[in-house]
Amino acid sequence: MTPKQKVFEMQAKELISAFKKRQMEAYYCNTKEEALNKALELIKEGSVVSWGGSMTLNEIGLLEELKKGNYKLLDRSTAKTPEELNEIFYKAYTADYYLMSSNAITMDGKLINIDGRGNRISALIHGPKNVIIVAGMNKVMPDEDSALKRARNYASPINANRFNIQTPCTNTGRCHDCLSPDTVCCNILVTRMSKIPNRIKVILVGEELGF
């Protein structure tokens, strides 16, 4: 075990306890391969599954595996018109499982997320029966303030560049708290508790995943 892996494992143990106090179920996996197996273990075959935009889900191979399996997928990438896209977004709220990552996580078990459209964080709050979050330990921050700074000054500029959106952060790499029509930071959410016990399940991964 490398020094980094040892630290990740110690932090994860503390985090799992913190999530439990917030009525969230959490697991720790050393590798993305273990994380993939854990996610598939949690998702019942035949279930309706949807997801929010996430590089992490792609990196662990989860979306690819779901497409091979016995699941009813609500996949927005299959939409051919804006109307079809909206229909998939709304149907996602009725899914058995909604998959996503988190922009940042605090050591005391809060989830910090920023969205443009808001479909991802609204599904996290309400709708789908289960929400499964997969996040690399690189997203863990000491507290809410540092987690929010990570989401705004690291994750958001990268996402803006990924989609070639013309906002100030696309050109400078840092948040300007802009009011651009193209902003990817319309909604900021701090999830400090799951009202429904264990509805939110967090898979922590001892690797650097997503951004």
N, C-alpha and C. Protein backbone atom coordinates (compact mmCIF):
# COMPACT_ATOMS: atom_id res chain seq x y z
N MET A 1 0.85 -1.20 0.00
CA MET A 1 0.00 0.00 0.00
C MET A 1 0.89 1.26 0.00
N THR A 2 0.61 2.18 -0.91
CA THR A 2 1.39 3.41 -0.98
C THR A 2 0.96 4.36 0.14
N PRO A 3 1.81 5.36 0.46
CA PRO A 3 1.43 6.35 1.48
C PRO A 3 0.10 7.04 1.15
N LYS A 4 -0.12 7.34 -0.13
CA LYS A 4 -1.36 7.99 -0.53
C LYS A 4 -2.56 7.08 -0.27
N GLN A 5 -2.41 5.81 -0.62
CA GLN A 5 -3.50 4.85 -0.40
C GLN A 5 -3.81 4.69 1.09
N LYS A 6 -2.75 4.72 1.90
CA LYS A 6 -2.94 4.60 3.34
C LYS A 6 -3.73 5.78 3.89
N VAL A 7 -3.39 6.98 3.43
CA VAL A 7 -4.11 8.19 3.87
C VAL A 7 -5.57 8.14 3.39
N PHE A 8 -5.77 7.77 2.12
CA PHE A 8 -7.13 7.66 1.59
C PHE A 8 -7.97 6.71 2.44
N GLU A 9 -7.39 5.58 2.80
CA GLU A 9 -8.11 4.56 3.57
C GLU A 9 -8.48 5.10 4.96
N MET A 10 -7.57 5.81 5.59
CA MET A 10 -7.85 6.39 6.91
C MET A 10 -8.94 7.46 6.82
N GLN A 11 -8.85 8.31 5.79
CA GLN A 11 -9.86 9.34 5.61
C GLN A 11 -11.23 8.72 5.32
N ALA A 12 -11.24 7.68 4.52
CA ALA A 12 -12.50 7.02 4.15
C ALA A 12 -13.20 6.43 5.37
N LYS A 13 -12.42 5.86 6.27
CA LYS A 13 -13.00 5.29 7.49
C LYS A 13 -13.72 6.36 8.28
N GLU A 14 -13.10 7.52 8.41
CA GLU A 14 -13.72 8.65 9.11
C GLU A 14 -14.95 9.14 8.37
N LEU A 15 -14.85 9.20 7.04
CA LEU A 15 -15.96 9.68 6.22
C LEU A 15 -17.18 8.75 6.30
N ILE A 16 -16.95 7.46 6.27
CA ILE A 16 -18.05 6.49 6.33
C ILE A 16 -18.84 6.68 7.62
N SER A 17 -18.13 6.92 8.71
CA SER A 17 -18.79 7.18 9.99
C SER A 17 -19.58 8.49 9.95
N ALA A 18 -18.99 9.52 9.30
CA ALA A 18 -19.67 10.82 9.19
C ALA A 18 -20.93 10.70 8.34
N PHE A 19 -20.86 9.97 7.23
CA PHE A 19 -22.03 9.78 6.37
C PHE A 19 -23.14 9.05 7.13
N LYS A 20 -22.77 8.07 7.92
CA LYS A 20 -23.76 7.30 8.68
C LYS A 20 -24.57 8.21 9.59
N LYS A 21 -23.91 9.17 10.22
CA LYS A 21 -24.60 10.13 11.10
C LYS A 21 -25.57 11.00 10.31
N ARG A 22 -25.29 11.16 9.02
CA ARG A 22 -26.14 11.98 8.16
C ARG A 22 -27.13 11.12 7.37
N GLN A 23 -27.32 9.88 7.79
CA GLN A 23 -28.27 8.94 7.20
C GLN A 23 -27.96 8.61 5.75
N MET A 24 -26.64 8.60 5.44
CA MET A 24 -26.19 8.19 4.12
C MET A 24 -25.34 6.93 4.26
N GLU A 25 -25.51 6.02 3.33
CA GLU A 25 -24.77 4.76 3.34
C GLU A 25 -23.49 4.96 2.53
N ALA A 26 -22.36 4.52 3.07
CA ALA A 26 -21.10 4.76 2.35
C ALA A 26 -20.21 3.52 2.36
N TYR A 27 -19.40 3.42 1.31
CA TYR A 27 -18.48 2.30 1.13
C TYR A 27 -17.14 2.85 0.66
N TYR A 28 -16.08 2.08 0.91
CA TYR A 28 -14.78 2.47 0.39
C TYR A 28 -14.22 1.35 -0.48
N CYS A 29 -13.75 1.72 -1.66
CA CYS A 29 -13.13 0.77 -2.59
C CYS A 29 -11.74 1.29 -2.93
N ASN A 30 -10.74 0.43 -2.88
CA ASN A 30 -9.37 0.84 -3.16
C ASN A 30 -9.17 1.24 -4.61
N THR A 31 -9.86 0.57 -5.53
CA THR A 31 -9.65 0.80 -6.96
C THR A 31 -10.96 1.06 -7.69
N LYS A 32 -10.83 1.57 -8.91
CA LYS A 32 -12.03 1.81 -9.71
C LYS A 32 -12.70 0.51 -10.12
N GLU A 33 -11.92 -0.57 -10.23
CA GLU A 33 -12.50 -1.88 -10.56
C GLU A 33 -13.38 -2.36 -9.42
N GLU A 34 -12.91 -2.18 -8.18
CA GLU A 34 -13.71 -2.54 -7.01
C GLU A 34 -14.96 -1.66 -6.94
N ALA A 35 -14.81 -0.40 -7.27
CA ALA A 35 -15.94 0.54 -7.24
C ALA A 35 -17.01 0.14 -8.26
N LEU A 36 -16.57 -0.28 -9.43
CA LEU A 36 -17.50 -0.75 -10.46
C LEU A 36 -18.30 -1.94 -9.94
N ASN A 37 -17.63 -2.90 -9.34
CA ASN A 37 -18.31 -4.08 -8.82
C ASN A 37 -19.28 -3.72 -7.70
N LYS A 38 -18.90 -2.80 -6.84
CA LYS A 38 -19.78 -2.38 -5.74
C LYS A 38 -21.03 -1.69 -6.29
N ALA A 39 -20.86 -0.82 -7.28
CA ALA A 39 -22.01 -0.13 -7.86
C ALA A 39 -22.98 -1.13 -8.50
N LEU A 40 -22.44 -2.07 -9.25
CA LEU A 40 -23.29 -3.07 -9.90
C LEU A 40 -23.98 -3.96 -8.86
N GLU A 41 -23.32 -4.19 -7.75
CA GLU A 41 -23.90 -4.98 -6.66
C GLU A 41 -25.11 -4.25 -6.05
N LEU A 42 -25.03 -2.93 -6.01
CA LEU A 42 -26.10 -2.13 -5.39
C LEU A 42 -27.31 -1.94 -6.30
N ILE A 43 -27.11 -2.07 -7.62
CA ILE A 43 -28.19 -1.82 -8.59
C ILE A 43 -28.86 -3.14 -8.98
N LYS A 44 -30.12 -3.27 -8.65
CA LYS A 44 -30.84 -4.51 -8.95
C LYS A 44 -31.13 -4.63 -10.45
N GLU A 45 -30.96 -5.82 -10.98
CA GLU A 45 -31.26 -6.05 -12.40
C GLU A 45 -32.74 -5.79 -12.67
N GLY A 46 -33.01 -5.27 -13.87
CA GLY A 46 -34.39 -4.96 -14.24
C GLY A 46 -34.84 -3.58 -13.78
N SER A 47 -33.99 -2.88 -13.02
CA SER A 47 -34.35 -1.57 -12.49
C SER A 47 -34.25 -0.48 -13.56
N VAL A 48 -34.97 0.61 -13.30
CA VAL A 48 -34.88 1.81 -14.13
C VAL A 48 -33.71 2.64 -13.61
N VAL A 49 -32.76 2.94 -14.49
CA VAL A 49 -31.54 3.63 -14.08
C VAL A 49 -31.30 4.85 -14.97
N SER A 50 -30.93 5.96 -14.33
CA SER A 50 -30.53 7.15 -15.08
C SER A 50 -29.32 7.76 -14.38
N TRP A 51 -28.77 8.83 -14.96
CA TRP A 51 -27.56 9.42 -14.38
C TRP A 51 -27.39 10.86 -14.83
N GLY A 52 -26.60 11.57 -14.03
CA GLY A 52 -26.22 12.93 -14.38
C GLY A 52 -24.85 12.91 -15.05
N GLY A 53 -24.47 14.03 -15.65
CA GLY A 53 -23.17 14.09 -16.32
C GLY A 53 -22.05 13.83 -15.32
N SER A 54 -21.16 12.90 -15.65
CA SER A 54 -20.08 12.55 -14.73
C SER A 54 -18.94 11.87 -15.46
N MET A 55 -17.75 12.44 -15.37
CA MET A 55 -16.57 11.78 -15.92
C MET A 55 -16.22 10.55 -15.10
N THR A 56 -16.47 10.61 -13.80
CA THR A 56 -16.13 9.50 -12.91
C THR A 56 -16.86 8.22 -13.30
N LEU A 57 -18.15 8.34 -13.59
CA LEU A 57 -18.93 7.16 -13.98
C LEU A 57 -18.35 6.51 -15.23
N ASN A 58 -17.89 7.35 -16.16
CA ASN A 58 -17.25 6.82 -17.37
C ASN A 58 -15.90 6.19 -17.05
N GLU A 59 -15.15 6.82 -16.17
CA GLU A 59 -13.80 6.35 -15.87
C GLU A 59 -13.79 4.98 -15.19
N ILE A 60 -14.81 4.69 -14.38
CA ILE A 60 -14.84 3.37 -13.75
C ILE A 60 -15.53 2.33 -14.64
N GLY A 61 -16.10 2.78 -15.78
CA GLY A 61 -16.72 1.85 -16.73
C GLY A 61 -18.14 1.47 -16.39
N LEU A 62 -18.79 2.22 -15.50
CA LEU A 62 -20.13 1.84 -15.04
C LEU A 62 -21.19 1.98 -16.13
N LEU A 63 -21.17 3.08 -16.86
CA LEU A 63 -22.20 3.30 -17.88
C LEU A 63 -22.09 2.24 -18.98
N GLU A 64 -20.87 1.90 -19.34
CA GLU A 64 -20.64 0.88 -20.37
C GLU A 64 -21.20 -0.47 -19.92
N GLU A 65 -20.97 -0.82 -18.64
CA GLU A 65 -21.46 -2.09 -18.12
C GLU A 65 -22.98 -2.12 -18.04
N LEU A 66 -23.58 -1.02 -17.66
CA LEU A 66 -25.04 -0.95 -17.57
C LEU A 66 -25.68 -1.17 -18.94
N LYS A 67 -25.06 -0.63 -19.97
CA LYS A 67 -25.59 -0.78 -21.33
C LYS A 67 -25.54 -2.22 -21.82
N LYS A 68 -24.68 -3.03 -21.20
CA LYS A 68 -24.58 -4.44 -21.56
C LYS A 68 -25.56 -5.30 -20.76
N GLY A 69 -26.05 -4.75 -19.65
CA GLY A 69 -26.82 -5.55 -18.70
C GLY A 69 -28.33 -5.46 -18.87
N ASN A 70 -29.03 -6.08 -17.92
CA ASN A 70 -30.49 -6.14 -17.92
C ASN A 70 -31.06 -5.00 -17.08
N TYR A 71 -31.05 -3.81 -17.67
CA TYR A 71 -31.56 -2.62 -16.98
C TYR A 71 -32.39 -1.79 -17.95
N LYS A 72 -33.29 -0.99 -17.42
CA LYS A 72 -34.07 -0.05 -18.23
C LYS A 72 -33.40 1.31 -18.07
N LEU A 73 -32.67 1.72 -19.09
CA LEU A 73 -31.86 2.92 -19.00
C LEU A 73 -32.54 4.16 -19.55
N LEU A 74 -32.46 5.23 -18.80
CA LEU A 74 -32.91 6.54 -19.27
C LEU A 74 -31.64 7.33 -19.59
N ASP A 75 -31.20 7.22 -20.83
CA ASP A 75 -29.91 7.74 -21.27
C ASP A 75 -30.13 8.97 -22.14
N ARG A 76 -29.77 10.13 -21.63
CA ARG A 76 -30.04 11.37 -22.36
C ARG A 76 -29.22 11.46 -23.65
N SER A 77 -28.14 10.71 -23.77
CA SER A 77 -27.32 10.75 -24.99
C SER A 77 -28.06 10.15 -26.19
N THR A 78 -29.16 9.44 -25.93
CA THR A 78 -29.95 8.84 -27.02
C THR A 78 -31.00 9.80 -27.58
N ALA A 79 -31.20 10.94 -26.93
CA ALA A 79 -32.21 11.90 -27.37
C ALA A 79 -31.85 12.50 -28.73
N LYS A 80 -32.82 12.55 -29.62
CA LYS A 80 -32.58 13.09 -30.96
C LYS A 80 -33.13 14.50 -31.12
N THR A 81 -33.97 14.92 -30.20
CA THR A 81 -34.55 16.27 -30.26
C THR A 81 -34.55 16.88 -28.85
N PRO A 82 -34.66 18.21 -28.76
CA PRO A 82 -34.75 18.85 -27.43
C PRO A 82 -35.94 18.32 -26.62
N GLU A 83 -37.02 17.98 -27.33
CA GLU A 83 -38.21 17.46 -26.65
C GLU A 83 -37.92 16.09 -26.02
N GLU A 84 -37.22 15.24 -26.76
CA GLU A 84 -36.84 13.93 -26.22
C GLU A 84 -35.90 14.08 -25.03
N LEU A 85 -34.99 15.03 -25.12
CA LEU A 85 -34.05 15.27 -24.03
C LEU A 85 -34.80 15.68 -22.76
N ASN A 86 -35.73 16.62 -22.90
CA ASN A 86 -36.51 17.06 -21.74
C ASN A 86 -37.32 15.92 -21.14
N GLU A 87 -37.85 15.07 -21.99
CA GLU A 87 -38.64 13.93 -21.52
C GLU A 87 -37.78 12.99 -20.67
N ILE A 88 -36.54 12.74 -21.12
CA ILE A 88 -35.63 11.87 -20.36
C ILE A 88 -35.26 12.52 -19.04
N PHE A 89 -35.01 13.84 -19.05
CA PHE A 89 -34.68 14.55 -17.82
C PHE A 89 -35.80 14.37 -16.79
N TYR A 90 -37.05 14.52 -17.22
CA TYR A 90 -38.18 14.42 -16.30
C TYR A 90 -38.44 12.99 -15.86
N LYS A 91 -38.28 12.05 -16.77
CA LYS A 91 -38.48 10.64 -16.41
C LYS A 91 -37.43 10.16 -15.40
N ALA A 92 -36.26 10.80 -15.42
CA ALA A 92 -35.19 10.40 -14.50
C ALA A 92 -35.62 10.52 -13.04
N TYR A 93 -36.54 11.43 -12.76
CA TYR A 93 -37.00 11.60 -11.38
C TYR A 93 -37.80 10.39 -10.88
N THR A 94 -38.21 9.53 -11.78
CA THR A 94 -38.97 8.34 -11.38
C THR A 94 -38.09 7.09 -11.37
N ALA A 95 -36.79 7.26 -11.60
CA ALA A 95 -35.87 6.11 -11.70
C ALA A 95 -35.74 5.39 -10.36
N ASP A 96 -35.42 4.12 -10.45
CA ASP A 96 -35.10 3.35 -9.24
C ASP A 96 -33.73 3.73 -8.70
N TYR A 97 -32.81 4.04 -9.64
CA TYR A 97 -31.46 4.42 -9.26
C TYR A 97 -31.00 5.60 -10.12
N TYR A 98 -30.46 6.61 -9.46
CA TYR A 98 -29.88 7.74 -10.16
C TYR A 98 -28.41 7.79 -9.81
N LEU A 99 -27.55 7.85 -10.82
CA LEU A 99 -26.11 7.77 -10.63
C LEU A 99 -25.45 9.13 -10.89
N MET A 100 -24.46 9.46 -10.10
CA MET A 100 -23.77 10.74 -10.27
C MET A 100 -22.46 10.70 -9.49
N SER A 101 -21.68 11.75 -9.62
CA SER A 101 -20.55 11.94 -8.73
C SER A 101 -20.85 13.18 -7.89
N SER A 102 -19.86 13.69 -7.21
CA SER A 102 -20.04 14.92 -6.43
C SER A 102 -18.87 15.83 -6.74
N ASN A 103 -19.12 17.13 -6.84
CA ASN A 103 -18.03 18.06 -7.14
C ASN A 103 -17.01 18.13 -6.00
N ALA A 104 -17.50 17.95 -4.78
CA ALA A 104 -16.61 17.93 -3.62
C ALA A 104 -17.35 17.28 -2.45
N ILE A 105 -16.56 16.80 -1.49
CA ILE A 105 -17.10 16.16 -0.28
C ILE A 105 -16.30 16.68 0.90
N THR A 106 -16.99 17.00 1.99
CA THR A 106 -16.28 17.47 3.19
C THR A 106 -15.96 16.29 4.10
N MET A 107 -14.95 16.46 4.93
CA MET A 107 -14.55 15.39 5.83
C MET A 107 -15.62 15.07 6.87
N ASP A 108 -16.57 15.97 7.08
CA ASP A 108 -17.66 15.66 8.01
C ASP A 108 -18.91 15.17 7.30
N GLY A 109 -18.76 14.79 6.01
CA GLY A 109 -19.83 14.08 5.32
C GLY A 109 -20.86 14.90 4.57
N LYS A 110 -20.52 16.11 4.18
CA LYS A 110 -21.44 16.91 3.35
C LYS A 110 -21.05 16.76 1.88
N LEU A 111 -22.05 16.81 1.02
CA LEU A 111 -21.85 16.76 -0.43
C LEU A 111 -22.01 18.17 -0.99
N ILE A 112 -21.04 18.62 -1.78
CA ILE A 112 -21.09 19.96 -2.37
C ILE A 112 -21.18 19.80 -3.89
N ASN A 113 -22.23 20.37 -4.47
CA ASN A 113 -22.44 20.25 -5.92
C ASN A 113 -22.90 21.55 -6.55
N ILE A 114 -22.44 21.76 -7.78
CA ILE A 114 -22.82 22.94 -8.56
C ILE A 114 -23.36 22.47 -9.90
N ASP A 115 -24.47 23.07 -10.33
CA ASP A 115 -25.10 22.70 -11.60
C ASP A 115 -25.51 23.93 -12.39
N GLY A 116 -25.56 23.75 -13.70
CA GLY A 116 -26.11 24.78 -14.57
C GLY A 116 -27.60 24.58 -14.71
N ARG A 117 -27.99 23.52 -15.37
CA ARG A 117 -29.40 23.21 -15.59
C ARG A 117 -30.10 22.83 -14.29
N GLY A 118 -29.41 22.10 -13.44
CA GLY A 118 -29.98 21.70 -12.15
C GLY A 118 -30.59 20.32 -12.13
N ASN A 119 -30.55 19.60 -13.26
CA ASN A 119 -31.17 18.27 -13.30
C ASN A 119 -30.48 17.29 -12.35
N ARG A 120 -29.17 17.42 -12.24
CA ARG A 120 -28.40 16.49 -11.41
C ARG A 120 -28.67 16.72 -9.92
N ILE A 121 -28.56 17.96 -9.48
CA ILE A 121 -28.73 18.20 -8.05
C ILE A 121 -30.20 18.11 -7.63
N SER A 122 -31.13 18.38 -8.55
CA SER A 122 -32.54 18.23 -8.19
C SER A 122 -32.90 16.75 -8.00
N ALA A 123 -32.28 15.87 -8.81
CA ALA A 123 -32.51 14.43 -8.64
C ALA A 123 -31.86 13.93 -7.35
N LEU A 124 -30.75 14.54 -6.96
CA LEU A 124 -30.12 14.19 -5.70
C LEU A 124 -31.05 14.53 -4.53
N ILE A 125 -31.73 15.65 -4.62
CA ILE A 125 -32.60 16.10 -3.54
C ILE A 125 -33.88 15.26 -3.44
N HIS A 126 -34.50 14.98 -4.60
CA HIS A 126 -35.84 14.39 -4.55
C HIS A 126 -36.16 13.68 -5.86
N GLY A 127 -36.89 12.57 -5.75
CA GLY A 127 -37.36 11.88 -6.96
C GLY A 127 -36.94 10.43 -7.00
N PRO A 128 -35.76 10.15 -7.58
CA PRO A 128 -35.32 8.76 -7.70
C PRO A 128 -35.30 8.04 -6.35
N LYS A 129 -35.64 6.76 -6.37
CA LYS A 129 -35.72 6.00 -5.11
C LYS A 129 -34.36 5.88 -4.44
N ASN A 130 -33.32 5.72 -5.24
CA ASN A 130 -31.96 5.61 -4.72
C ASN A 130 -31.03 6.50 -5.52
N VAL A 131 -30.08 7.10 -4.85
CA VAL A 131 -29.04 7.87 -5.52
C VAL A 131 -27.69 7.25 -5.15
N ILE A 132 -26.91 6.89 -6.16
CA ILE A 132 -25.59 6.33 -5.93
C ILE A 132 -24.54 7.32 -6.43
N ILE A 133 -23.69 7.75 -5.51
CA ILE A 133 -22.63 8.70 -5.83
C ILE A 133 -21.29 7.97 -5.83
N VAL A 134 -20.54 8.11 -6.91
CA VAL A 134 -19.19 7.52 -6.98
C VAL A 134 -18.21 8.69 -7.03
N ALA A 135 -17.27 8.71 -6.10
CA ALA A 135 -16.33 9.83 -6.05
C ALA A 135 -14.94 9.39 -5.64
N GLY A 136 -13.95 9.87 -6.38
CA GLY A 136 -12.56 9.62 -6.01
C GLY A 136 -12.21 10.40 -4.75
N MET A 137 -11.26 9.90 -3.98
CA MET A 137 -10.86 10.56 -2.74
C MET A 137 -10.19 11.91 -3.00
N ASN A 138 -9.82 12.19 -4.24
CA ASN A 138 -9.27 13.50 -4.58
C ASN A 138 -10.28 14.62 -4.41
N LYS A 139 -11.56 14.26 -4.29
CA LYS A 139 -12.61 15.28 -4.13
C LYS A 139 -12.91 15.60 -2.67
N VAL A 140 -12.23 14.93 -1.77
CA VAL A 140 -12.48 15.15 -0.34
C VAL A 140 -11.69 16.37 0.15
N MET A 141 -12.40 17.31 0.78
CA MET A 141 -11.81 18.54 1.29
C MET A 141 -12.04 18.63 2.81
N PRO A 142 -11.24 19.41 3.50
CA PRO A 142 -11.36 19.48 4.96
C PRO A 142 -12.70 19.98 5.48
N ASP A 143 -13.27 20.99 4.78
CA ASP A 143 -14.49 21.60 5.30
C ASP A 143 -15.34 22.16 4.15
N GLU A 144 -16.48 22.75 4.51
CA GLU A 144 -17.42 23.24 3.51
C GLU A 144 -16.83 24.37 2.67
N ASP A 145 -16.09 25.25 3.31
CA ASP A 145 -15.51 26.38 2.58
C ASP A 145 -14.52 25.91 1.52
N SER A 146 -13.61 25.01 1.89
CA SER A 146 -12.63 24.52 0.92
C SER A 146 -13.28 23.65 -0.15
N ALA A 147 -14.36 22.94 0.22
CA ALA A 147 -15.08 22.12 -0.75
C ALA A 147 -15.77 23.00 -1.79
N LEU A 148 -16.36 24.09 -1.35
CA LEU A 148 -17.02 25.00 -2.27
C LEU A 148 -16.00 25.67 -3.19
N LYS A 149 -14.86 26.02 -2.63
CA LYS A 149 -13.80 26.63 -3.46
C LYS A 149 -13.32 25.63 -4.51
N ARG A 150 -13.23 24.36 -4.14
CA ARG A 150 -12.82 23.34 -5.10
C ARG A 150 -13.84 23.24 -6.23
N ALA A 151 -15.11 23.20 -5.86
CA ALA A 151 -16.16 23.08 -6.87
C ALA A 151 -16.19 24.27 -7.82
N ARG A 152 -16.00 25.47 -7.28
CA ARG A 152 -16.12 26.67 -8.10
C ARG A 152 -14.85 26.99 -8.88
N ASN A 153 -13.69 26.75 -8.28
CA ASN A 153 -12.43 27.17 -8.91
C ASN A 153 -11.66 26.06 -9.59
N TYR A 154 -12.14 24.83 -9.46
CA TYR A 154 -11.48 23.70 -10.12
C TYR A 154 -12.44 22.96 -11.03
N ALA A 155 -13.48 22.37 -10.44
CA ALA A 155 -14.42 21.57 -11.24
C ALA A 155 -15.17 22.40 -12.28
N SER A 156 -15.69 23.55 -11.87
CA SER A 156 -16.51 24.35 -12.80
C SER A 156 -15.74 24.87 -14.00
N PRO A 157 -14.54 25.44 -13.84
CA PRO A 157 -13.78 25.88 -15.02
C PRO A 157 -13.46 24.74 -15.98
N ILE A 158 -13.15 23.56 -15.43
CA ILE A 158 -12.86 22.42 -16.30
C ILE A 158 -14.12 22.01 -17.07
N ASN A 159 -15.26 21.98 -16.39
CA ASN A 159 -16.51 21.64 -17.07
C ASN A 159 -16.86 22.67 -18.14
N ALA A 160 -16.64 23.94 -17.84
CA ALA A 160 -16.92 24.99 -18.82
C ALA A 160 -16.05 24.81 -20.06
N ASN A 161 -14.79 24.46 -19.87
CA ASN A 161 -13.89 24.20 -21.00
C ASN A 161 -14.27 22.93 -21.73
N ARG A 162 -14.71 21.92 -20.96
CA ARG A 162 -15.09 20.64 -21.58
C ARG A 162 -16.24 20.83 -22.57
N PHE A 163 -17.17 21.71 -22.22
CA PHE A 163 -18.32 21.95 -23.10
C PHE A 163 -18.14 23.18 -23.98
N ASN A 164 -16.93 23.78 -23.94
CA ASN A 164 -16.61 24.95 -24.77
C ASN A 164 -17.61 26.07 -24.54
N ILE A 165 -17.91 26.32 -23.27
CA ILE A 165 -18.86 27.36 -22.90
C ILE A 165 -18.10 28.67 -22.69
N GLN A 166 -18.64 29.76 -23.18
CA GLN A 166 -17.94 31.04 -23.12
C GLN A 166 -18.29 31.80 -21.84
N THR A 167 -17.57 31.47 -20.78
CA THR A 167 -17.70 32.18 -19.51
C THR A 167 -16.32 32.68 -19.11
N PRO A 168 -16.21 33.63 -18.19
CA PRO A 168 -14.89 34.12 -17.79
C PRO A 168 -13.95 33.01 -17.32
N CYS A 169 -14.48 32.02 -16.61
CA CYS A 169 -13.61 30.96 -16.09
C CYS A 169 -13.02 30.09 -17.19
N THR A 170 -13.66 30.08 -18.36
CA THR A 170 -13.11 29.32 -19.49
C THR A 170 -11.76 29.88 -19.90
N ASN A 171 -11.61 31.18 -19.75
CA ASN A 171 -10.38 31.84 -20.19
C ASN A 171 -9.35 32.02 -19.08
N THR A 172 -9.80 32.03 -17.81
CA THR A 172 -8.87 32.29 -16.72
C THR A 172 -8.63 31.08 -15.82
N GLY A 173 -9.53 30.09 -15.88
CA GLY A 173 -9.36 28.91 -15.05
C GLY A 173 -9.79 29.09 -13.60
N ARG A 174 -10.48 30.20 -13.31
CA ARG A 174 -10.97 30.40 -11.95
C ARG A 174 -12.34 31.09 -11.99
N CYS A 175 -13.08 30.92 -10.90
CA CYS A 175 -14.43 31.48 -10.84
C CYS A 175 -14.41 33.00 -10.70
N HIS A 176 -15.32 33.66 -11.45
CA HIS A 176 -15.48 35.11 -11.36
C HIS A 176 -16.86 35.46 -10.81
N ASP A 177 -17.57 34.46 -10.30
CA ASP A 177 -18.94 34.68 -9.80
C ASP A 177 -19.76 35.40 -10.86
N CYS A 178 -19.63 34.93 -12.10
CA CYS A 178 -20.20 35.64 -13.25
C CYS A 178 -21.72 35.48 -13.34
N LEU A 179 -22.31 36.38 -14.10
CA LEU A 179 -23.74 36.32 -14.42
C LEU A 179 -23.93 36.09 -15.91
N SER A 180 -22.99 35.39 -16.51
CA SER A 180 -23.07 35.07 -17.93
C SER A 180 -24.26 34.15 -18.19
N PRO A 181 -24.96 34.34 -19.31
CA PRO A 181 -26.06 33.43 -19.66
C PRO A 181 -25.59 31.99 -19.81
N ASP A 182 -24.29 31.78 -20.08
CA ASP A 182 -23.74 30.45 -20.26
C ASP A 182 -23.20 29.83 -18.97
N THR A 183 -23.32 30.53 -17.85
CA THR A 183 -22.71 30.04 -16.62
C THR A 183 -23.13 28.60 -16.29
N VAL A 184 -22.17 27.83 -15.81
CA VAL A 184 -22.47 26.45 -15.38
C VAL A 184 -22.73 26.41 -13.88
N CYS A 185 -22.75 27.58 -13.26
CA CYS A 185 -22.90 27.68 -11.80
C CYS A 185 -24.21 28.38 -11.42
N CYS A 186 -25.31 27.90 -11.96
CA CYS A 186 -26.60 28.50 -11.63
C CYS A 186 -27.08 28.09 -10.24
N ASN A 187 -26.75 26.87 -9.86
CA ASN A 187 -27.28 26.31 -8.62
C ASN A 187 -26.16 25.69 -7.79
N ILE A 188 -26.11 26.04 -6.52
CA ILE A 188 -25.13 25.48 -5.61
C ILE A 188 -25.87 24.76 -4.49
N LEU A 189 -25.51 23.50 -4.27
CA LEU A 189 -26.23 22.67 -3.30
C LEU A 189 -25.27 22.08 -2.27
N VAL A 190 -25.65 22.22 -1.00
CA VAL A 190 -24.96 21.53 0.10
C VAL A 190 -25.93 20.50 0.65
N THR A 191 -25.57 19.23 0.51
CA THR A 191 -26.41 18.16 1.05
C THR A 191 -25.79 17.72 2.38
N ARG A 192 -26.45 18.08 3.47
CA ARG A 192 -25.90 17.81 4.80
C ARG A 192 -26.59 16.63 5.50
N MET A 193 -27.66 16.12 4.88
CA MET A 193 -28.39 15.01 5.51
C MET A 193 -29.29 14.37 4.45
N SER A 194 -29.51 13.07 4.56
CA SER A 194 -30.49 12.39 3.72
C SER A 194 -31.76 12.22 4.54
N LYS A 195 -32.82 12.88 4.13
CA LYS A 195 -34.07 12.82 4.90
C LYS A 195 -34.58 11.38 4.96
N ILE A 196 -34.46 10.68 3.83
CA ILE A 196 -34.83 9.26 3.78
C ILE A 196 -33.57 8.45 4.07
N PRO A 197 -33.54 7.71 5.18
CA PRO A 197 -32.33 6.98 5.55
C PRO A 197 -31.82 6.07 4.44
N ASN A 198 -30.54 6.21 4.12
CA ASN A 198 -29.82 5.36 3.16
C ASN A 198 -30.31 5.47 1.72
N ARG A 199 -31.14 6.47 1.43
CA ARG A 199 -31.51 6.71 0.02
C ARG A 199 -30.26 7.08 -0.77
N ILE A 200 -29.38 7.88 -0.18
CA ILE A 200 -28.14 8.29 -0.82
C ILE A 200 -27.03 7.33 -0.40
N LYS A 201 -26.38 6.76 -1.40
CA LYS A 201 -25.28 5.82 -1.16
C LYS A 201 -24.02 6.37 -1.83
N VAL A 202 -22.94 6.42 -1.07
CA VAL A 202 -21.71 7.02 -1.56
C VAL A 202 -20.62 5.95 -1.65
N ILE A 203 -20.06 5.80 -2.84
CA ILE A 203 -18.92 4.89 -3.04
C ILE A 203 -17.67 5.74 -3.17
N LEU A 204 -16.83 5.69 -2.16
CA LEU A 204 -15.56 6.42 -2.17
C LEU A 204 -14.50 5.54 -2.80
N VAL A 205 -13.68 6.11 -3.65
CA VAL A 205 -12.69 5.33 -4.39
C VAL A 205 -11.29 5.87 -4.11
N GLY A 206 -10.38 4.98 -3.77
CA GLY A 206 -9.01 5.38 -3.43
C GLY A 206 -8.14 5.69 -4.63
N GLU A 207 -8.72 6.39 -5.59
CA GLU A 207 -7.99 6.83 -6.79
C GLU A 207 -8.44 8.25 -7.12
N GLU A 208 -7.66 8.91 -7.96
CA GLU A 208 -8.05 10.24 -8.43
C GLU A 208 -8.94 10.07 -9.66
N LEU A 209 -10.20 10.44 -9.49
CA LEU A 209 -11.19 10.28 -10.54
C LEU A 209 -11.94 11.58 -10.77
N GLY A 210 -12.33 11.80 -12.01
CA GLY A 210 -13.12 13.00 -12.32
C GLY A 210 -12.33 14.27 -12.02
N PHE A 211 -13.11 15.36 -11.84
CA PHE A 211 -12.47 16.62 -11.52
C PHE A 211 -13.47 17.52 -10.77
